[in-house]
Amino acid sequence: MFTSNYTRFYFYFLKPNEKLILNDKERAFNKIINNFSEYLSFIYELAACEYAQNKFNIFNVSSIWGKDYECDIYYNNDDFCLLGEVKYKGKKICLKTLNELINKAKLLNLKVDYYLLFSNSGFSNNLLANKNNNVLCKDIFSFKEFL
């Protein structure tokens, strides 16, 4: 895991495309642009985990995955449990995503204190109308809290 965004960018885009960059800059640039959203989704996920650490004053928030599940945000100790999803897509997160997350918590036998949903495209009206106080819907502007 790279701690430097420059190093991450270098090894994700520049080093693997070194020859292409030297020989055909326009094609190399287009290749980077075409894959940039996928790259940003990972950065957004890392930022969401860091947000959770700052918001709840906890450490080692990460992702978790297994054969039948994957969660972008995971933290669990004896006193506190956090589970979340991060979506960097061109569509809003809907109630279905929350329900899937709740089912993952059941599968993992977790008593979740907060469900954290991060979206760069917003949330459906049905999800926002959810009156559950342990569901936090955050967007890219939420990072301002810790700047």
N, C-alpha and C. Protein backbone atom coordinates (compact mmCIF):
# COMPACT_ATOMS: atom_id res chain seq x y z
N MET A 1 0.85 -1.17 0.00
CA MET A 1 0.00 0.00 0.00
C MET A 1 0.89 1.23 0.00
N PHE A 2 0.76 2.04 -1.01
CA PHE A 2 1.55 3.27 -1.09
C PHE A 2 0.93 4.36 -0.23
N THR A 3 1.75 5.06 0.50
CA THR A 3 1.24 6.16 1.32
C THR A 3 1.27 7.48 0.55
N SER A 4 2.06 7.54 -0.49
CA SER A 4 2.17 8.74 -1.30
C SER A 4 1.26 8.62 -2.53
N ASN A 5 0.42 9.61 -2.75
CA ASN A 5 -0.44 9.58 -3.94
C ASN A 5 0.39 9.65 -5.21
N TYR A 6 1.49 10.38 -5.18
CA TYR A 6 2.34 10.45 -6.36
C TYR A 6 2.91 9.06 -6.68
N THR A 7 3.41 8.37 -5.68
CA THR A 7 3.98 7.03 -5.90
C THR A 7 2.90 6.08 -6.40
N ARG A 8 1.72 6.16 -5.84
CA ARG A 8 0.60 5.32 -6.28
C ARG A 8 0.29 5.60 -7.75
N PHE A 9 0.20 6.87 -8.12
CA PHE A 9 -0.07 7.26 -9.50
C PHE A 9 1.05 6.77 -10.43
N TYR A 10 2.28 6.95 -9.99
CA TYR A 10 3.43 6.55 -10.79
C TYR A 10 3.38 5.05 -11.13
N PHE A 11 3.17 4.22 -10.11
CA PHE A 11 3.17 2.78 -10.35
C PHE A 11 1.87 2.27 -10.96
N TYR A 12 0.81 3.02 -10.88
CA TYR A 12 -0.46 2.62 -11.48
C TYR A 12 -0.49 2.98 -12.97
N PHE A 13 0.04 4.15 -13.32
CA PHE A 13 -0.07 4.63 -14.70
C PHE A 13 1.26 4.78 -15.43
N LEU A 14 2.22 5.42 -14.82
CA LEU A 14 3.43 5.81 -15.54
C LEU A 14 4.39 4.65 -15.80
N LYS A 15 4.76 3.93 -14.76
CA LYS A 15 5.73 2.85 -14.94
C LYS A 15 5.23 1.77 -15.90
N PRO A 16 3.98 1.29 -15.78
CA PRO A 16 3.51 0.26 -16.71
C PRO A 16 3.39 0.74 -18.16
N ASN A 17 3.27 2.05 -18.35
CA ASN A 17 3.10 2.59 -19.70
C ASN A 17 4.32 3.39 -20.17
N GLU A 18 5.45 3.13 -19.57
CA GLU A 18 6.66 3.90 -19.84
C GLU A 18 7.01 3.95 -21.33
N LYS A 19 7.03 2.81 -21.99
CA LYS A 19 7.38 2.77 -23.42
C LYS A 19 6.34 3.49 -24.27
N LEU A 20 5.07 3.31 -23.92
CA LEU A 20 4.00 3.98 -24.65
C LEU A 20 4.12 5.49 -24.49
N ILE A 21 4.44 5.95 -23.31
CA ILE A 21 4.60 7.39 -23.06
C ILE A 21 5.73 7.96 -23.91
N LEU A 22 6.81 7.23 -24.01
CA LEU A 22 7.96 7.69 -24.79
C LEU A 22 7.69 7.67 -26.29
N ASN A 23 6.86 6.72 -26.74
CA ASN A 23 6.64 6.55 -28.17
C ASN A 23 5.36 7.18 -28.72
N ASP A 24 4.34 7.28 -27.89
CA ASP A 24 3.05 7.79 -28.37
C ASP A 24 2.32 8.47 -27.21
N LYS A 25 2.69 9.71 -26.95
CA LYS A 25 2.15 10.44 -25.80
C LYS A 25 0.63 10.56 -25.84
N GLU A 26 0.07 10.78 -27.01
CA GLU A 26 -1.39 10.94 -27.10
C GLU A 26 -2.11 9.65 -26.73
N ARG A 27 -1.64 8.53 -27.24
CA ARG A 27 -2.26 7.24 -26.90
C ARG A 27 -2.08 6.93 -25.41
N ALA A 28 -0.92 7.26 -24.87
CA ALA A 28 -0.67 7.05 -23.44
C ALA A 28 -1.61 7.91 -22.60
N PHE A 29 -1.76 9.17 -23.00
CA PHE A 29 -2.66 10.07 -22.28
C PHE A 29 -4.09 9.54 -22.30
N ASN A 30 -4.55 9.09 -23.45
CA ASN A 30 -5.91 8.54 -23.58
C ASN A 30 -6.09 7.29 -22.72
N LYS A 31 -5.06 6.47 -22.65
CA LYS A 31 -5.12 5.26 -21.82
C LYS A 31 -5.26 5.64 -20.34
N ILE A 32 -4.52 6.64 -19.91
CA ILE A 32 -4.61 7.11 -18.53
C ILE A 32 -6.00 7.70 -18.26
N ILE A 33 -6.47 8.54 -19.15
CA ILE A 33 -7.80 9.16 -18.98
C ILE A 33 -8.89 8.10 -18.92
N ASN A 34 -8.80 7.08 -19.76
CA ASN A 34 -9.83 6.03 -19.80
C ASN A 34 -9.86 5.19 -18.51
N ASN A 35 -8.75 5.11 -17.80
CA ASN A 35 -8.68 4.32 -16.57
C ASN A 35 -8.66 5.17 -15.31
N PHE A 36 -8.77 6.47 -15.46
CA PHE A 36 -8.62 7.36 -14.32
C PHE A 36 -9.76 7.22 -13.31
N SER A 37 -10.97 6.98 -13.77
CA SER A 37 -12.10 6.83 -12.88
C SER A 37 -11.93 5.62 -11.96
N GLU A 38 -11.44 4.53 -12.51
CA GLU A 38 -11.16 3.33 -11.70
C GLU A 38 -10.09 3.64 -10.65
N TYR A 39 -9.07 4.35 -11.06
CA TYR A 39 -8.01 4.76 -10.13
C TYR A 39 -8.58 5.65 -9.02
N LEU A 40 -9.40 6.63 -9.39
CA LEU A 40 -9.99 7.53 -8.40
C LEU A 40 -10.93 6.81 -7.43
N SER A 41 -11.60 5.77 -7.90
CA SER A 41 -12.51 5.05 -7.01
C SER A 41 -11.73 4.44 -5.85
N PHE A 42 -10.53 3.95 -6.10
CA PHE A 42 -9.70 3.40 -5.03
C PHE A 42 -9.25 4.51 -4.08
N ILE A 43 -8.86 5.66 -4.62
CA ILE A 43 -8.45 6.79 -3.79
C ILE A 43 -9.62 7.26 -2.93
N TYR A 44 -10.81 7.30 -3.52
CA TYR A 44 -12.02 7.71 -2.80
C TYR A 44 -12.30 6.74 -1.64
N GLU A 45 -12.09 5.46 -1.89
CA GLU A 45 -12.26 4.45 -0.85
C GLU A 45 -11.28 4.67 0.31
N LEU A 46 -10.03 4.94 -0.02
CA LEU A 46 -9.02 5.22 1.02
C LEU A 46 -9.39 6.47 1.81
N ALA A 47 -9.85 7.49 1.12
CA ALA A 47 -10.24 8.73 1.79
C ALA A 47 -11.44 8.50 2.70
N ALA A 48 -12.38 7.66 2.28
CA ALA A 48 -13.55 7.35 3.10
C ALA A 48 -13.13 6.62 4.38
N CYS A 49 -12.18 5.72 4.28
CA CYS A 49 -11.67 5.02 5.48
C CYS A 49 -10.99 6.01 6.41
N GLU A 50 -10.24 6.94 5.84
CA GLU A 50 -9.59 7.96 6.67
C GLU A 50 -10.63 8.88 7.31
N TYR A 51 -11.68 9.20 6.58
CA TYR A 51 -12.77 10.00 7.13
C TYR A 51 -13.36 9.29 8.36
N ALA A 52 -13.63 7.98 8.23
CA ALA A 52 -14.20 7.21 9.33
C ALA A 52 -13.28 7.23 10.55
N GLN A 53 -12.00 7.10 10.32
CA GLN A 53 -11.04 7.14 11.43
C GLN A 53 -11.10 8.47 12.16
N ASN A 54 -11.17 9.56 11.41
CA ASN A 54 -11.23 10.89 12.01
C ASN A 54 -12.58 11.14 12.68
N LYS A 55 -13.65 10.74 12.02
CA LYS A 55 -15.00 10.99 12.54
C LYS A 55 -15.25 10.28 13.86
N PHE A 56 -14.79 9.04 13.97
CA PHE A 56 -15.08 8.22 15.14
C PHE A 56 -13.88 8.04 16.06
N ASN A 57 -12.77 8.70 15.72
CA ASN A 57 -11.55 8.62 16.52
C ASN A 57 -11.12 7.16 16.74
N ILE A 58 -11.01 6.44 15.62
CA ILE A 58 -10.61 5.04 15.63
C ILE A 58 -9.45 4.87 14.66
N PHE A 59 -8.80 3.73 14.72
CA PHE A 59 -7.66 3.46 13.85
C PHE A 59 -7.85 2.13 13.14
N ASN A 60 -7.14 1.96 12.04
CA ASN A 60 -7.14 0.71 11.28
C ASN A 60 -8.48 0.40 10.62
N VAL A 61 -9.17 1.41 10.13
CA VAL A 61 -10.36 1.17 9.31
C VAL A 61 -9.85 0.69 7.96
N SER A 62 -10.43 -0.37 7.46
CA SER A 62 -9.98 -0.93 6.19
C SER A 62 -11.17 -1.55 5.47
N SER A 63 -10.89 -2.31 4.45
CA SER A 63 -11.93 -3.07 3.77
C SER A 63 -11.84 -4.51 4.25
N ILE A 64 -12.88 -5.26 3.95
CA ILE A 64 -12.91 -6.68 4.30
C ILE A 64 -13.61 -7.41 3.16
N TRP A 65 -13.13 -8.62 2.89
CA TRP A 65 -13.77 -9.39 1.84
C TRP A 65 -13.57 -10.87 2.10
N GLY A 66 -14.46 -11.62 1.53
CA GLY A 66 -14.43 -13.07 1.61
C GLY A 66 -15.09 -13.64 0.38
N LYS A 67 -15.33 -14.92 0.40
CA LYS A 67 -15.91 -15.60 -0.76
C LYS A 67 -17.26 -15.00 -1.15
N ASP A 68 -18.08 -14.67 -0.16
CA ASP A 68 -19.46 -14.24 -0.44
C ASP A 68 -19.75 -12.78 -0.11
N TYR A 69 -18.73 -12.00 0.19
CA TYR A 69 -18.98 -10.62 0.59
C TYR A 69 -17.75 -9.75 0.35
N GLU A 70 -18.01 -8.45 0.30
CA GLU A 70 -16.95 -7.44 0.25
C GLU A 70 -17.53 -6.15 0.81
N CYS A 71 -16.80 -5.53 1.73
CA CYS A 71 -17.21 -4.25 2.30
C CYS A 71 -16.04 -3.30 2.19
N ASP A 72 -16.30 -2.11 1.71
CA ASP A 72 -15.24 -1.12 1.50
C ASP A 72 -14.75 -0.50 2.80
N ILE A 73 -15.63 -0.41 3.79
CA ILE A 73 -15.27 0.18 5.07
C ILE A 73 -15.61 -0.83 6.16
N TYR A 74 -14.61 -1.16 6.96
CA TYR A 74 -14.81 -2.14 8.02
C TYR A 74 -13.97 -1.77 9.24
N TYR A 75 -14.63 -1.79 10.37
CA TYR A 75 -13.94 -1.64 11.66
C TYR A 75 -14.77 -2.38 12.70
N ASN A 76 -14.09 -3.18 13.51
CA ASN A 76 -14.81 -3.92 14.55
C ASN A 76 -13.88 -4.20 15.72
N ASN A 77 -14.30 -3.76 16.89
CA ASN A 77 -13.65 -4.17 18.12
C ASN A 77 -14.76 -4.46 19.13
N ASP A 78 -14.41 -4.69 20.37
CA ASP A 78 -15.41 -5.06 21.37
C ASP A 78 -16.46 -3.98 21.61
N ASP A 79 -16.09 -2.72 21.40
CA ASP A 79 -16.96 -1.60 21.76
C ASP A 79 -17.67 -0.94 20.58
N PHE A 80 -17.18 -1.13 19.37
CA PHE A 80 -17.68 -0.34 18.25
C PHE A 80 -17.51 -1.10 16.94
N CYS A 81 -18.54 -1.04 16.10
CA CYS A 81 -18.49 -1.69 14.79
C CYS A 81 -19.01 -0.73 13.72
N LEU A 82 -18.28 -0.66 12.63
CA LEU A 82 -18.60 0.23 11.52
C LEU A 82 -18.50 -0.58 10.23
N LEU A 83 -19.49 -0.43 9.36
CA LEU A 83 -19.50 -1.11 8.09
C LEU A 83 -19.97 -0.13 7.03
N GLY A 84 -19.32 -0.13 5.86
CA GLY A 84 -19.71 0.84 4.86
C GLY A 84 -19.39 0.45 3.44
N GLU A 85 -19.97 1.20 2.54
CA GLU A 85 -19.75 1.06 1.10
C GLU A 85 -19.34 2.41 0.53
N VAL A 86 -18.48 2.35 -0.47
CA VAL A 86 -18.01 3.55 -1.15
C VAL A 86 -18.28 3.35 -2.63
N LYS A 87 -18.98 4.28 -3.23
CA LYS A 87 -19.31 4.20 -4.66
C LYS A 87 -18.81 5.46 -5.36
N TYR A 88 -17.93 5.24 -6.31
CA TYR A 88 -17.44 6.34 -7.14
C TYR A 88 -17.93 6.05 -8.56
N LYS A 89 -19.21 6.26 -8.74
CA LYS A 89 -19.85 5.96 -10.03
C LYS A 89 -20.74 7.13 -10.42
N GLY A 90 -21.26 7.06 -11.60
CA GLY A 90 -22.12 8.12 -12.11
C GLY A 90 -23.57 7.99 -11.73
N LYS A 91 -23.87 7.20 -10.68
CA LYS A 91 -25.27 7.08 -10.28
C LYS A 91 -25.37 7.11 -8.76
N LYS A 92 -26.55 7.46 -8.29
CA LYS A 92 -26.78 7.61 -6.86
C LYS A 92 -26.82 6.25 -6.17
N ILE A 93 -26.42 6.25 -4.89
CA ILE A 93 -26.58 5.05 -4.07
C ILE A 93 -28.05 4.96 -3.67
N CYS A 94 -28.62 3.76 -3.77
CA CYS A 94 -30.03 3.59 -3.43
C CYS A 94 -30.17 2.70 -2.19
N LEU A 95 -31.39 2.53 -1.77
CA LEU A 95 -31.72 1.75 -0.58
C LEU A 95 -31.22 0.30 -0.71
N LYS A 96 -31.17 -0.19 -1.92
CA LYS A 96 -30.69 -1.56 -2.17
C LYS A 96 -29.27 -1.75 -1.64
N THR A 97 -28.43 -0.75 -1.82
CA THR A 97 -27.05 -0.84 -1.33
C THR A 97 -27.01 -0.94 0.18
N LEU A 98 -27.84 -0.16 0.86
CA LEU A 98 -27.92 -0.26 2.32
C LEU A 98 -28.42 -1.63 2.74
N ASN A 99 -29.45 -2.14 2.10
CA ASN A 99 -29.98 -3.46 2.44
C ASN A 99 -28.95 -4.56 2.22
N GLU A 100 -28.16 -4.44 1.16
CA GLU A 100 -27.08 -5.41 0.92
C GLU A 100 -26.04 -5.33 2.04
N LEU A 101 -25.75 -4.13 2.48
CA LEU A 101 -24.78 -3.94 3.56
C LEU A 101 -25.31 -4.55 4.87
N ILE A 102 -26.57 -4.36 5.15
CA ILE A 102 -27.19 -4.94 6.34
C ILE A 102 -27.13 -6.47 6.27
N ASN A 103 -27.37 -7.03 5.09
CA ASN A 103 -27.27 -8.48 4.91
C ASN A 103 -25.84 -8.98 5.10
N LYS A 104 -24.87 -8.20 4.67
CA LYS A 104 -23.46 -8.57 4.89
C LYS A 104 -23.15 -8.58 6.37
N ALA A 105 -23.70 -7.63 7.10
CA ALA A 105 -23.49 -7.58 8.56
C ALA A 105 -24.06 -8.85 9.20
N LYS A 106 -25.23 -9.28 8.76
CA LYS A 106 -25.83 -10.51 9.28
C LYS A 106 -24.96 -11.72 8.94
N LEU A 107 -24.47 -11.76 7.71
CA LEU A 107 -23.61 -12.85 7.27
C LEU A 107 -22.34 -12.93 8.13
N LEU A 108 -21.81 -11.76 8.50
CA LEU A 108 -20.60 -11.70 9.31
C LEU A 108 -20.88 -11.73 10.81
N ASN A 109 -22.17 -11.82 11.16
CA ASN A 109 -22.59 -11.85 12.56
C ASN A 109 -22.08 -10.63 13.33
N LEU A 110 -22.28 -9.43 12.74
CA LEU A 110 -21.82 -8.18 13.33
C LEU A 110 -22.98 -7.39 13.90
N LYS A 111 -22.76 -6.78 15.03
CA LYS A 111 -23.71 -5.81 15.58
C LYS A 111 -23.16 -4.43 15.22
N VAL A 112 -23.65 -3.87 14.15
CA VAL A 112 -23.10 -2.64 13.58
C VAL A 112 -23.66 -1.41 14.30
N ASP A 113 -22.75 -0.54 14.73
CA ASP A 113 -23.16 0.73 15.34
C ASP A 113 -23.54 1.75 14.29
N TYR A 114 -22.75 1.81 13.20
CA TYR A 114 -23.02 2.75 12.11
C TYR A 114 -22.76 2.10 10.77
N TYR A 115 -23.66 2.38 9.84
CA TYR A 115 -23.45 2.06 8.43
C TYR A 115 -23.05 3.37 7.76
N LEU A 116 -21.94 3.35 7.06
CA LEU A 116 -21.41 4.55 6.43
C LEU A 116 -21.43 4.37 4.92
N LEU A 117 -22.16 5.24 4.23
CA LEU A 117 -22.26 5.18 2.77
C LEU A 117 -21.64 6.43 2.18
N PHE A 118 -20.68 6.24 1.28
CA PHE A 118 -20.03 7.35 0.59
C PHE A 118 -20.36 7.26 -0.89
N SER A 119 -20.77 8.39 -1.47
CA SER A 119 -21.08 8.44 -2.89
C SER A 119 -20.61 9.77 -3.47
N ASN A 120 -20.03 9.73 -4.64
CA ASN A 120 -19.67 10.98 -5.31
C ASN A 120 -20.82 11.49 -6.16
N SER A 121 -21.90 10.71 -6.28
CA SER A 121 -23.04 11.10 -7.12
C SER A 121 -24.33 11.28 -6.34
N GLY A 122 -24.26 11.21 -5.03
CA GLY A 122 -25.45 11.44 -4.22
C GLY A 122 -26.19 10.17 -3.85
N PHE A 123 -27.42 10.36 -3.34
CA PHE A 123 -28.20 9.27 -2.79
C PHE A 123 -29.64 9.38 -3.27
N SER A 124 -30.29 8.24 -3.40
CA SER A 124 -31.70 8.24 -3.83
C SER A 124 -32.57 8.86 -2.75
N ASN A 125 -33.73 9.36 -3.15
CA ASN A 125 -34.68 9.94 -2.20
C ASN A 125 -35.14 8.90 -1.17
N ASN A 126 -35.33 7.65 -1.61
CA ASN A 126 -35.74 6.59 -0.68
C ASN A 126 -34.69 6.35 0.40
N LEU A 127 -33.43 6.39 0.03
CA LEU A 127 -32.37 6.21 1.01
C LEU A 127 -32.31 7.39 1.96
N LEU A 128 -32.41 8.59 1.43
CA LEU A 128 -32.37 9.78 2.27
C LEU A 128 -33.59 9.88 3.19
N ALA A 129 -34.70 9.29 2.79
CA ALA A 129 -35.90 9.30 3.62
C ALA A 129 -35.82 8.28 4.76
N ASN A 130 -34.84 7.40 4.69
CA ASN A 130 -34.64 6.40 5.75
C ASN A 130 -34.35 7.13 7.06
N LYS A 131 -35.13 6.85 8.06
CA LYS A 131 -35.01 7.56 9.34
C LYS A 131 -34.09 6.84 10.33
N ASN A 132 -33.35 5.86 9.87
CA ASN A 132 -32.45 5.12 10.74
C ASN A 132 -31.26 5.99 11.11
N ASN A 133 -31.09 6.28 12.38
CA ASN A 133 -30.04 7.19 12.85
C ASN A 133 -28.64 6.61 12.74
N ASN A 134 -28.52 5.31 12.53
CA ASN A 134 -27.18 4.74 12.43
C ASN A 134 -26.71 4.59 10.98
N VAL A 135 -27.40 5.24 10.05
CA VAL A 135 -26.98 5.25 8.65
C VAL A 135 -26.49 6.65 8.31
N LEU A 136 -25.24 6.75 7.94
CA LEU A 136 -24.64 8.04 7.59
C LEU A 136 -24.36 8.07 6.09
N CYS A 137 -24.95 9.04 5.41
CA CYS A 137 -24.75 9.22 3.97
C CYS A 137 -23.81 10.40 3.77
N LYS A 138 -22.67 10.14 3.16
CA LYS A 138 -21.65 11.17 3.00
C LYS A 138 -21.26 11.30 1.53
N ASP A 139 -20.87 12.51 1.16
CA ASP A 139 -20.40 12.75 -0.20
C ASP A 139 -19.01 13.37 -0.16
N ILE A 140 -18.52 13.74 -1.30
CA ILE A 140 -17.16 14.25 -1.40
C ILE A 140 -16.96 15.53 -0.57
N PHE A 141 -18.03 16.28 -0.36
CA PHE A 141 -17.92 17.51 0.43
C PHE A 141 -17.79 17.24 1.93
N SER A 142 -18.09 16.04 2.34
CA SER A 142 -17.97 15.66 3.75
C SER A 142 -16.53 15.71 4.24
N PHE A 143 -15.59 15.60 3.32
CA PHE A 143 -14.18 15.63 3.70
C PHE A 143 -13.77 17.00 4.24
N LYS A 144 -14.54 18.03 3.93
CA LYS A 144 -14.24 19.38 4.42
C LYS A 144 -14.18 19.45 5.94
N GLU A 145 -14.93 18.57 6.60
CA GLU A 145 -14.96 18.55 8.06
C GLU A 145 -13.56 18.42 8.66
N PHE A 146 -12.68 17.75 7.96
CA PHE A 146 -11.37 17.44 8.52
C PHE A 146 -10.22 18.15 7.82
N LEU A 147 -10.54 19.13 7.01
CA LEU A 147 -9.47 19.88 6.33
C LEU A 147 -8.99 21.02 7.21
